[in-house]
Amino acid sequence: MTPIVLAIACLLAVTLGYAALCAGSPFGRCRTCAGLGFALTHDRKGRPKRGKACRRCKGTGHRIRAGRWLFNRAQRIYRDGTH
């Protein structure tokens, strides 16, 4: 195989894998709070305690994946355009 065909095959595999991931698990862990839903603070003795709710995920600990967000947006545009 030529390198171009191999590169296209690899990109296709990665794209289809990410599409399957977005379909099977549309939400991932929030990067800001690492999926906890809140910030960790420490008391005076150094023990961790719960802080404020995360602003990015609004305390859920989940975020929508970029691929799923794009799919939802495309689906909404298509649905609004055909009705």
PDB file of N, CA and C in Angstrom:
ATOM      1  N   MET A   1       0.840  -1.189   0.000  1.00  0.00           N
ATOM      2  CA  MET A   1       0.000   0.000   0.000  1.00  0.00           C
ATOM      3  C   MET A   1       0.879   1.244   0.000  1.00  0.00           C
ATOM      4  N   THR A   2       0.352   2.267  -0.574  1.00  0.00           N
ATOM      5  CA  THR A   2       1.092   3.520  -0.582  1.00  0.00           C
ATOM      6  C   THR A   2       0.876   4.235   0.749  1.00  0.00           C
ATOM      7  N   PRO A   3       1.770   5.113   1.106  1.00  0.00           N
ATOM      8  CA  PRO A   3       1.637   5.819   2.383  1.00  0.00           C
ATOM      9  C   PRO A   3       0.368   6.672   2.472  1.00  0.00           C
ATOM     10  N   ILE A   4      -0.085   7.195   1.352  1.00  0.00           N
ATOM     11  CA  ILE A   4      -1.293   8.036   1.376  1.00  0.00           C
ATOM     12  C   ILE A   4      -2.528   7.198   1.711  1.00  0.00           C
ATOM     13  N   VAL A   5      -2.608   6.015   1.095  1.00  0.00           N
ATOM     14  CA  VAL A   5      -3.745   5.124   1.370  1.00  0.00           C
ATOM     15  C   VAL A   5      -3.715   4.674   2.826  1.00  0.00           C
ATOM     16  N   LEU A   6      -2.536   4.382   3.322  1.00  0.00           N
ATOM     17  CA  LEU A   6      -2.392   3.970   4.720  1.00  0.00           C
ATOM     18  C   LEU A   6      -2.794   5.101   5.670  1.00  0.00           C
ATOM     19  N   ALA A   7      -2.402   6.325   5.351  1.00  0.00           N
ATOM     20  CA  ALA A   7      -2.764   7.474   6.186  1.00  0.00           C
ATOM     21  C   ALA A   7      -4.271   7.703   6.171  1.00  0.00           C
ATOM     22  N   ILE A   8      -4.889   7.565   5.013  1.00  0.00           N
ATOM     23  CA  ILE A   8      -6.343   7.737   4.915  1.00  0.00           C
ATOM     24  C   ILE A   8      -7.054   6.646   5.702  1.00  0.00           C
ATOM     25  N   ALA A   9      -6.547   5.420   5.632  1.00  0.00           N
ATOM     26  CA  ALA A   9      -7.154   4.320   6.380  1.00  0.00           C
ATOM     27  C   ALA A   9      -7.045   4.551   7.886  1.00  0.00           C
ATOM     28  N   CYS A  10      -5.908   5.064   8.332  1.00  0.00           N
ATOM     29  CA  CYS A  10      -5.730   5.352   9.764  1.00  0.00           C
ATOM     30  C   CYS A  10      -6.662   6.473  10.217  1.00  0.00           C
ATOM     31  N   LEU A  11      -6.766   7.529   9.428  1.00  0.00           N
ATOM     32  CA  LEU A  11      -7.669   8.629   9.778  1.00  0.00           C
ATOM     33  C   LEU A  11      -9.119   8.170   9.807  1.00  0.00           C
ATOM     34  N   LEU A  12      -9.499   7.316   8.875  1.00  0.00           N
ATOM     35  CA  LEU A  12     -10.851   6.785   8.851  1.00  0.00           C
ATOM     36  C   LEU A  12     -11.126   5.933  10.080  1.00  0.00           C
ATOM     37  N   ALA A  13     -10.159   5.120  10.484  1.00  0.00           N
ATOM     38  CA  ALA A  13     -10.320   4.281  11.674  1.00  0.00           C
ATOM     39  C   ALA A  13     -10.458   5.131  12.929  1.00  0.00           C
ATOM     40  N   VAL A  14      -9.648   6.168  13.054  1.00  0.00           N
ATOM     41  CA  VAL A  14      -9.716   7.047  14.220  1.00  0.00           C
ATOM     42  C   VAL A  14     -11.052   7.793  14.247  1.00  0.00           C
ATOM     43  N   THR A  15     -11.496   8.276  13.096  1.00  0.00           N
ATOM     44  CA  THR A  15     -12.759   9.007  13.018  1.00  0.00           C
ATOM     45  C   THR A  15     -13.940   8.121  13.380  1.00  0.00           C
ATOM     46  N   LEU A  16     -13.967   6.916  12.829  1.00  0.00           N
ATOM     47  CA  LEU A  16     -15.066   6.002  13.140  1.00  0.00           C
ATOM     48  C   LEU A  16     -15.031   5.559  14.603  1.00  0.00           C
ATOM     49  N   GLY A  17     -13.832   5.396  15.143  1.00  0.00           N
ATOM     50  CA  GLY A  17     -13.708   5.051  16.565  1.00  0.00           C
ATOM     51  C   GLY A  17     -14.234   6.159  17.467  1.00  0.00           C
ATOM     52  N   TYR A  18     -13.907   7.411  17.122  1.00  0.00           N
ATOM     53  CA  TYR A  18     -14.392   8.538  17.923  1.00  0.00           C
ATOM     54  C   TYR A  18     -15.902   8.700  17.780  1.00  0.00           C
ATOM     55  N   ALA A  19     -16.427   8.451  16.574  1.00  0.00           N
ATOM     56  CA  ALA A  19     -17.877   8.520  16.374  1.00  0.00           C
ATOM     57  C   ALA A  19     -18.583   7.448  17.205  1.00  0.00           C
ATOM     58  N   ALA A  20     -18.007   6.272  17.276  1.00  0.00           N
ATOM     59  CA  ALA A  20     -18.588   5.207  18.102  1.00  0.00           C
ATOM     60  C   ALA A  20     -18.519   5.576  19.580  1.00  0.00           C
ATOM     61  N   LEU A  21     -17.428   6.185  19.998  1.00  0.00           N
ATOM     62  CA  LEU A  21     -17.296   6.622  21.391  1.00  0.00           C
ATOM     63  C   LEU A  21     -18.346   7.675  21.735  1.00  0.00           C
ATOM     64  N   CYS A  22     -18.547   8.641  20.839  1.00  0.00           N
ATOM     65  CA  CYS A  22     -19.530   9.697  21.070  1.00  0.00           C
ATOM     66  C   CYS A  22     -20.953   9.144  21.084  1.00  0.00           C
ATOM     67  N   ALA A  23     -21.217   8.122  20.271  1.00  0.00           N
ATOM     68  CA  ALA A  23     -22.543   7.518  20.255  1.00  0.00           C
ATOM     69  C   ALA A  23     -22.775   6.688  21.507  1.00  0.00           C
ATOM     70  N   GLY A  24     -21.775   5.962  21.942  1.00  0.00           N
ATOM     71  CA  GLY A  24     -21.927   5.098  23.109  1.00  0.00           C
ATOM     72  C   GLY A  24     -21.832   5.821  24.432  1.00  0.00           C
ATOM     73  N   SER A  25     -20.990   6.822  24.501  1.00  0.00           N
ATOM     74  CA  SER A  25     -20.787   7.567  25.740  1.00  0.00           C
ATOM     75  C   SER A  25     -20.696   9.053  25.405  1.00  0.00           C
ATOM     76  N   PRO A  26     -21.847   9.747  25.288  1.00  0.00           N
ATOM     77  CA  PRO A  26     -21.817  11.134  24.838  1.00  0.00           C
ATOM     78  C   PRO A  26     -21.213  12.121  25.838  1.00  0.00           C
ATOM     79  N   PHE A  27     -21.095  11.731  27.090  1.00  0.00           N
ATOM     80  CA  PHE A  27     -20.545  12.629  28.101  1.00  0.00           C
ATOM     81  C   PHE A  27     -19.220  12.094  28.617  1.00  0.00           C
ATOM     82  N   GLY A  28     -18.281  13.000  28.822  1.00  0.00           N
ATOM     83  CA  GLY A  28     -16.985  12.661  29.403  1.00  0.00           C
ATOM     84  C   GLY A  28     -16.821  13.389  30.726  1.00  0.00           C
ATOM     85  N   ARG A  29     -15.723  13.116  31.403  1.00  0.00           N
ATOM     86  CA  ARG A  29     -15.462  13.796  32.669  1.00  0.00           C
ATOM     87  C   ARG A  29     -15.091  15.243  32.422  1.00  0.00           C
ATOM     88  N   CYS A  30     -15.518  16.122  33.290  1.00  0.00           N
ATOM     89  CA  CYS A  30     -15.159  17.534  33.199  1.00  0.00           C
ATOM     90  C   CYS A  30     -13.660  17.666  33.442  1.00  0.00           C
ATOM     91  N   ARG A  31     -12.981  18.462  32.604  1.00  0.00           N
ATOM     92  CA  ARG A  31     -11.541  18.623  32.728  1.00  0.00           C
ATOM     93  C   ARG A  31     -11.159  19.558  33.867  1.00  0.00           C
ATOM     94  N   THR A  32     -12.043  20.464  34.217  1.00  0.00           N
ATOM     95  CA  THR A  32     -11.719  21.430  35.251  1.00  0.00           C
ATOM     96  C   THR A  32     -11.719  20.788  36.642  1.00  0.00           C
ATOM     97  N   CYS A  33     -12.764  20.010  36.926  1.00  0.00           N
ATOM     98  CA  CYS A  33     -12.892  19.421  38.264  1.00  0.00           C
ATOM     99  C   CYS A  33     -12.548  17.941  38.277  1.00  0.00           C
ATOM    100  N   ALA A  34     -12.087  17.398  37.151  1.00  0.00           N
ATOM    101  CA  ALA A  34     -11.714  15.981  37.022  1.00  0.00           C
ATOM    102  C   ALA A  34     -12.885  15.055  37.330  1.00  0.00           C
ATOM    103  N   GLY A  35     -14.098  15.501  37.031  1.00  0.00           N
ATOM    104  CA  GLY A  35     -15.270  14.664  37.213  1.00  0.00           C
ATOM    105  C   GLY A  35     -15.859  14.676  38.610  1.00  0.00           C
ATOM    106  N   LEU A  36     -15.315  15.478  39.508  1.00  0.00           N
ATOM    107  CA  LEU A  36     -15.838  15.521  40.872  1.00  0.00           C
ATOM    108  C   LEU A  36     -17.086  16.393  40.983  1.00  0.00           C
ATOM    109  N   GLY A  37     -17.160  17.445  40.199  1.00  0.00           N
ATOM    110  CA  GLY A  37     -18.290  18.363  40.270  1.00  0.00           C
ATOM    111  C   GLY A  37     -18.042  19.533  41.206  1.00  0.00           C
ATOM    112  N   PHE A  38     -16.899  19.529  41.846  1.00  0.00           N
ATOM    113  CA  PHE A  38     -16.560  20.622  42.763  1.00  0.00           C
ATOM    114  C   PHE A  38     -15.050  20.745  42.850  1.00  0.00           C
ATOM    115  N   ALA A  39     -14.606  21.874  43.339  1.00  0.00           N
ATOM    116  CA  ALA A  39     -13.180  22.094  43.534  1.00  0.00           C
ATOM    117  C   ALA A  39     -12.781  21.532  44.895  1.00  0.00           C
ATOM    118  N   LEU A  40     -11.594  20.986  44.969  1.00  0.00           N
ATOM    119  CA  LEU A  40     -11.086  20.516  46.253  1.00  0.00           C
ATOM    120  C   LEU A  40     -10.333  21.642  46.944  1.00  0.00           C
ATOM    121  N   THR A  41     -10.680  21.883  48.167  1.00  0.00           N
ATOM    122  CA  THR A  41      -9.920  22.823  48.991  1.00  0.00           C
ATOM    123  C   THR A  41      -9.381  22.039  50.180  1.00  0.00           C
ATOM    124  N   HIS A  42      -8.576  22.660  50.964  1.00  0.00           N
ATOM    125  CA  HIS A  42      -7.983  21.984  52.115  1.00  0.00           C
ATOM    126  C   HIS A  42      -8.253  22.797  53.377  1.00  0.00           C
ATOM    127  N   ASP A  43      -8.485  22.087  54.469  1.00  0.00           N
ATOM    128  CA  ASP A  43      -8.679  22.792  55.730  1.00  0.00           C
ATOM    129  C   ASP A  43      -7.304  23.152  56.316  1.00  0.00           C
ATOM    130  N   ARG A  44      -7.309  23.695  57.514  1.00  0.00           N
ATOM    131  CA  ARG A  44      -6.054  24.174  58.095  1.00  0.00           C
ATOM    132  C   ARG A  44      -5.084  23.049  58.417  1.00  0.00           C
ATOM    133  N   LYS A  45      -5.592  21.836  58.580  1.00  0.00           N
ATOM    134  CA  LYS A  45      -4.725  20.692  58.861  1.00  0.00           C
ATOM    135  C   LYS A  45      -4.224  20.011  57.587  1.00  0.00           C
ATOM    136  N   GLY A  46      -4.674  20.504  56.427  1.00  0.00           N
ATOM    137  CA  GLY A  46      -4.212  19.943  55.169  1.00  0.00           C
ATOM    138  C   GLY A  46      -5.095  18.848  54.613  1.00  0.00           C
ATOM    139  N   ARG A  47      -6.194  18.558  55.290  1.00  0.00           N
ATOM    140  CA  ARG A  47      -7.094  17.526  54.790  1.00  0.00           C
ATOM    141  C   ARG A  47      -7.983  18.099  53.693  1.00  0.00           C
ATOM    142  N   PRO A  48      -8.217  17.327  52.630  1.00  0.00           N
ATOM    143  CA  PRO A  48      -9.068  17.836  51.544  1.00  0.00           C
ATOM    144  C   PRO A  48     -10.531  17.917  51.976  1.00  0.00           C
ATOM    145  N   LYS A  49     -11.201  18.947  51.500  1.00  0.00           N
ATOM    146  CA  LYS A  49     -12.633  19.071  51.753  1.00  0.00           C
ATOM    147  C   LYS A  49     -13.300  19.634  50.501  1.00  0.00           C
ATOM    148  N   ARG A  50     -14.605  19.500  50.463  1.00  0.00           N
ATOM    149  CA  ARG A  50     -15.364  19.935  49.295  1.00  0.00           C
ATOM    150  C   ARG A  50     -15.390  21.454  49.225  1.00  0.00           C
ATOM    151  N   GLY A  51     -15.147  21.958  47.998  1.00  0.00           N
ATOM    152  CA  GLY A  51     -15.177  23.392  47.774  1.00  0.00           C
ATOM    153  C   GLY A  51     -16.432  23.789  47.017  1.00  0.00           C
ATOM    154  N   LYS A  52     -16.336  24.859  46.268  1.00  0.00           N
ATOM    155  CA  LYS A  52     -17.468  25.351  45.484  1.00  0.00           C
ATOM    156  C   LYS A  52     -17.763  24.420  44.318  1.00  0.00           C
ATOM    157  N   ALA A  53     -19.007  24.481  43.839  1.00  0.00           N
ATOM    158  CA  ALA A  53     -19.388  23.702  42.665  1.00  0.00           C
ATOM    159  C   ALA A  53     -18.630  24.221  41.440  1.00  0.00           C
ATOM    160  N   CYS A  54     -18.297  23.319  40.544  1.00  0.00           N
ATOM    161  CA  CYS A  54     -17.554  23.669  39.337  1.00  0.00           C
ATOM    162  C   CYS A  54     -18.420  24.536  38.430  1.00  0.00           C
ATOM    163  N   ARG A  55     -17.851  25.621  37.926  1.00  0.00           N
ATOM    164  CA  ARG A  55     -18.602  26.521  37.049  1.00  0.00           C
ATOM    165  C   ARG A  55     -18.749  25.955  35.648  1.00  0.00           C
ATOM    166  N   ARG A  56     -17.774  25.180  35.209  1.00  0.00           N
ATOM    167  CA  ARG A  56     -17.806  24.667  33.844  1.00  0.00           C
ATOM    168  C   ARG A  56     -18.892  23.617  33.638  1.00  0.00           C
ATOM    169  N   CYS A  57     -19.005  22.670  34.579  1.00  0.00           N
ATOM    170  CA  CYS A  57     -19.993  21.594  34.425  1.00  0.00           C
ATOM    171  C   CYS A  57     -21.220  21.808  35.309  1.00  0.00           C
ATOM    172  N   LYS A  58     -21.268  22.910  36.030  1.00  0.00           N
ATOM    173  CA  LYS A  58     -22.371  23.248  36.929  1.00  0.00           C
ATOM    174  C   LYS A  58     -22.591  22.187  38.004  1.00  0.00           C
ATOM    175  N   GLY A  59     -21.508  21.562  38.446  1.00  0.00           N
ATOM    176  CA  GLY A  59     -21.576  20.625  39.557  1.00  0.00           C
ATOM    177  C   GLY A  59     -21.941  19.200  39.175  1.00  0.00           C
ATOM    178  N   THR A  60     -22.090  18.896  37.894  1.00  0.00           N
ATOM    179  CA  THR A  60     -22.456  17.541  37.499  1.00  0.00           C
ATOM    180  C   THR A  60     -21.238  16.632  37.362  1.00  0.00           C
ATOM    181  N   GLY A  61     -20.092  17.192  37.022  1.00  0.00           N
ATOM    182  CA  GLY A  61     -18.898  16.399  36.809  1.00  0.00           C
ATOM    183  C   GLY A  61     -18.784  15.871  35.391  1.00  0.00           C
ATOM    184  N   HIS A  62     -19.782  16.171  34.546  1.00  0.00           N
ATOM    185  CA  HIS A  62     -19.784  15.682  33.165  1.00  0.00           C
ATOM    186  C   HIS A  62     -19.749  16.850  32.193  1.00  0.00           C
ATOM    187  N   ARG A  63     -19.217  16.589  31.007  1.00  0.00           N
ATOM    188  CA  ARG A  63     -19.246  17.551  29.916  1.00  0.00           C
ATOM    189  C   ARG A  63     -19.630  16.788  28.664  1.00  0.00           C
ATOM    190  N   ILE A  64     -20.220  17.454  27.700  1.00  0.00           N
ATOM    191  CA  ILE A  64     -20.574  16.795  26.453  1.00  0.00           C
ATOM    192  C   ILE A  64     -19.347  16.767  25.552  1.00  0.00           C
ATOM    193  N   ARG A  65     -19.119  15.647  24.895  1.00  0.00           N
ATOM    194  CA  ARG A  65     -17.964  15.518  24.011  1.00  0.00           C
ATOM    195  C   ARG A  65     -18.148  16.408  22.786  1.00  0.00           C
ATOM    196  N   ALA A  66     -17.050  16.858  22.204  1.00  0.00           N
ATOM    197  CA  ALA A  66     -17.107  17.772  21.060  1.00  0.00           C
ATOM    198  C   ALA A  66     -17.809  17.126  19.870  1.00  0.00           C
ATOM    199  N   GLY A  67     -17.527  15.869  19.616  1.00  0.00           N
ATOM    200  CA  GLY A  67     -18.165  15.179  18.498  1.00  0.00           C
ATOM    201  C   GLY A  67     -19.663  15.046  18.685  1.00  0.00           C
ATOM    202  N   ARG A  68     -20.089  14.766  19.911  1.00  0.00           N
ATOM    203  CA  ARG A  68     -21.517  14.662  20.187  1.00  0.00           C
ATOM    204  C   ARG A  68     -22.185  16.023  20.076  1.00  0.00           C
ATOM    205  N   TRP A  69     -21.487  17.077  20.508  1.00  0.00           N
ATOM    206  CA  TRP A  69     -22.036  18.426  20.400  1.00  0.00           C
ATOM    207  C   TRP A  69     -22.256  18.777  18.932  1.00  0.00           C
ATOM    208  N   LEU A  70     -21.270  18.456  18.078  1.00  0.00           N
ATOM    209  CA  LEU A  70     -21.406  18.720  16.642  1.00  0.00           C
ATOM    210  C   LEU A  70     -22.538  17.902  16.029  1.00  0.00           C
ATOM    211  N   PHE A  71     -22.666  16.647  16.427  1.00  0.00           N
ATOM    212  CA  PHE A  71     -23.751  15.803  15.923  1.00  0.00           C
ATOM    213  C   PHE A  71     -25.107  16.373  16.331  1.00  0.00           C
ATOM    214  N   ASN A  72     -25.239  16.773  17.588  1.00  0.00           N
ATOM    215  CA  ASN A  72     -26.506  17.349  18.057  1.00  0.00           C
ATOM    216  C   ASN A  72     -26.833  18.632  17.295  1.00  0.00           C
ATOM    217  N   ARG A  73     -25.819  19.475  17.054  1.00  0.00           N
ATOM    218  CA  ARG A  73     -26.036  20.725  16.344  1.00  0.00           C
ATOM    219  C   ARG A  73     -26.476  20.463  14.901  1.00  0.00           C
ATOM    220  N   ALA A  74     -25.808  19.529  14.214  1.00  0.00           N
ATOM    221  CA  ALA A  74     -26.170  19.192  12.839  1.00  0.00           C
ATOM    222  C   ALA A  74     -27.575  18.595  12.771  1.00  0.00           C
ATOM    223  N   GLN A  75     -27.899  17.761  13.733  1.00  0.00           N
ATOM    224  CA  GLN A  75     -29.229  17.150  13.766  1.00  0.00           C
ATOM    225  C   GLN A  75     -30.306  18.212  13.991  1.00  0.00           C
ATOM    226  N   ARG A  76     -30.024  19.173  14.860  1.00  0.00           N
ATOM    227  CA  ARG A  76     -30.988  20.241  15.133  1.00  0.00           C
ATOM    228  C   ARG A  76     -31.189  21.126  13.903  1.00  0.00           C
ATOM    229  N   ILE A  77     -30.112  21.464  13.193  1.00  0.00           N
ATOM    230  CA  ILE A  77     -30.208  22.277  11.980  1.00  0.00           C
ATOM    231  C   ILE A  77     -31.003  21.528  10.912  1.00  0.00           C
ATOM    232  N   TYR A  78     -30.738  20.255  10.750  1.00  0.00           N
ATOM    233  CA  TYR A  78     -31.468  19.452   9.752  1.00  0.00           C
ATOM    234  C   TYR A  78     -32.949  19.378  10.101  1.00  0.00           C
ATOM    235  N   ARG A  79     -33.239  19.140  11.377  1.00  0.00           N
ATOM    236  CA  ARG A  79     -34.632  19.027  11.825  1.00  0.00           C
ATOM    237  C   ARG A  79     -35.360  20.354  11.640  1.00  0.00           C
ATOM    238  N   ASP A  80     -34.724  21.459  11.957  1.00  0.00           N
ATOM    239  CA  ASP A  80     -35.365  22.781  11.795  1.00  0.00           C
ATOM    240  C   ASP A  80     -35.549  23.135  10.316  1.00  0.00           C
ATOM    241  N   GLY A  81     -34.671  22.653   9.456  1.00  0.00           N
ATOM    242  CA  GLY A  81     -34.762  22.982   8.045  1.00  0.00           C
ATOM    243  C   GLY A  81     -35.779  22.156   7.282  1.00  0.00           C
ATOM    244  N   THR A  82     -36.134  20.982   7.815  1.00  0.00           N
ATOM    245  CA  THR A  82     -37.058  20.115   7.084  1.00  0.00           C
ATOM    246  C   THR A  82     -38.486  20.240   7.558  1.00  0.00           C
ATOM    247  N   HIS A  83     -38.730  20.973   8.610  1.00  0.00           N
ATOM    248  CA  HIS A  83     -40.114  21.111   9.103  1.00  0.00           C
ATOM    249  C   HIS A  83     -40.705  22.425   8.747  1.00  0.00           C
TER     250      HIS A  83
END
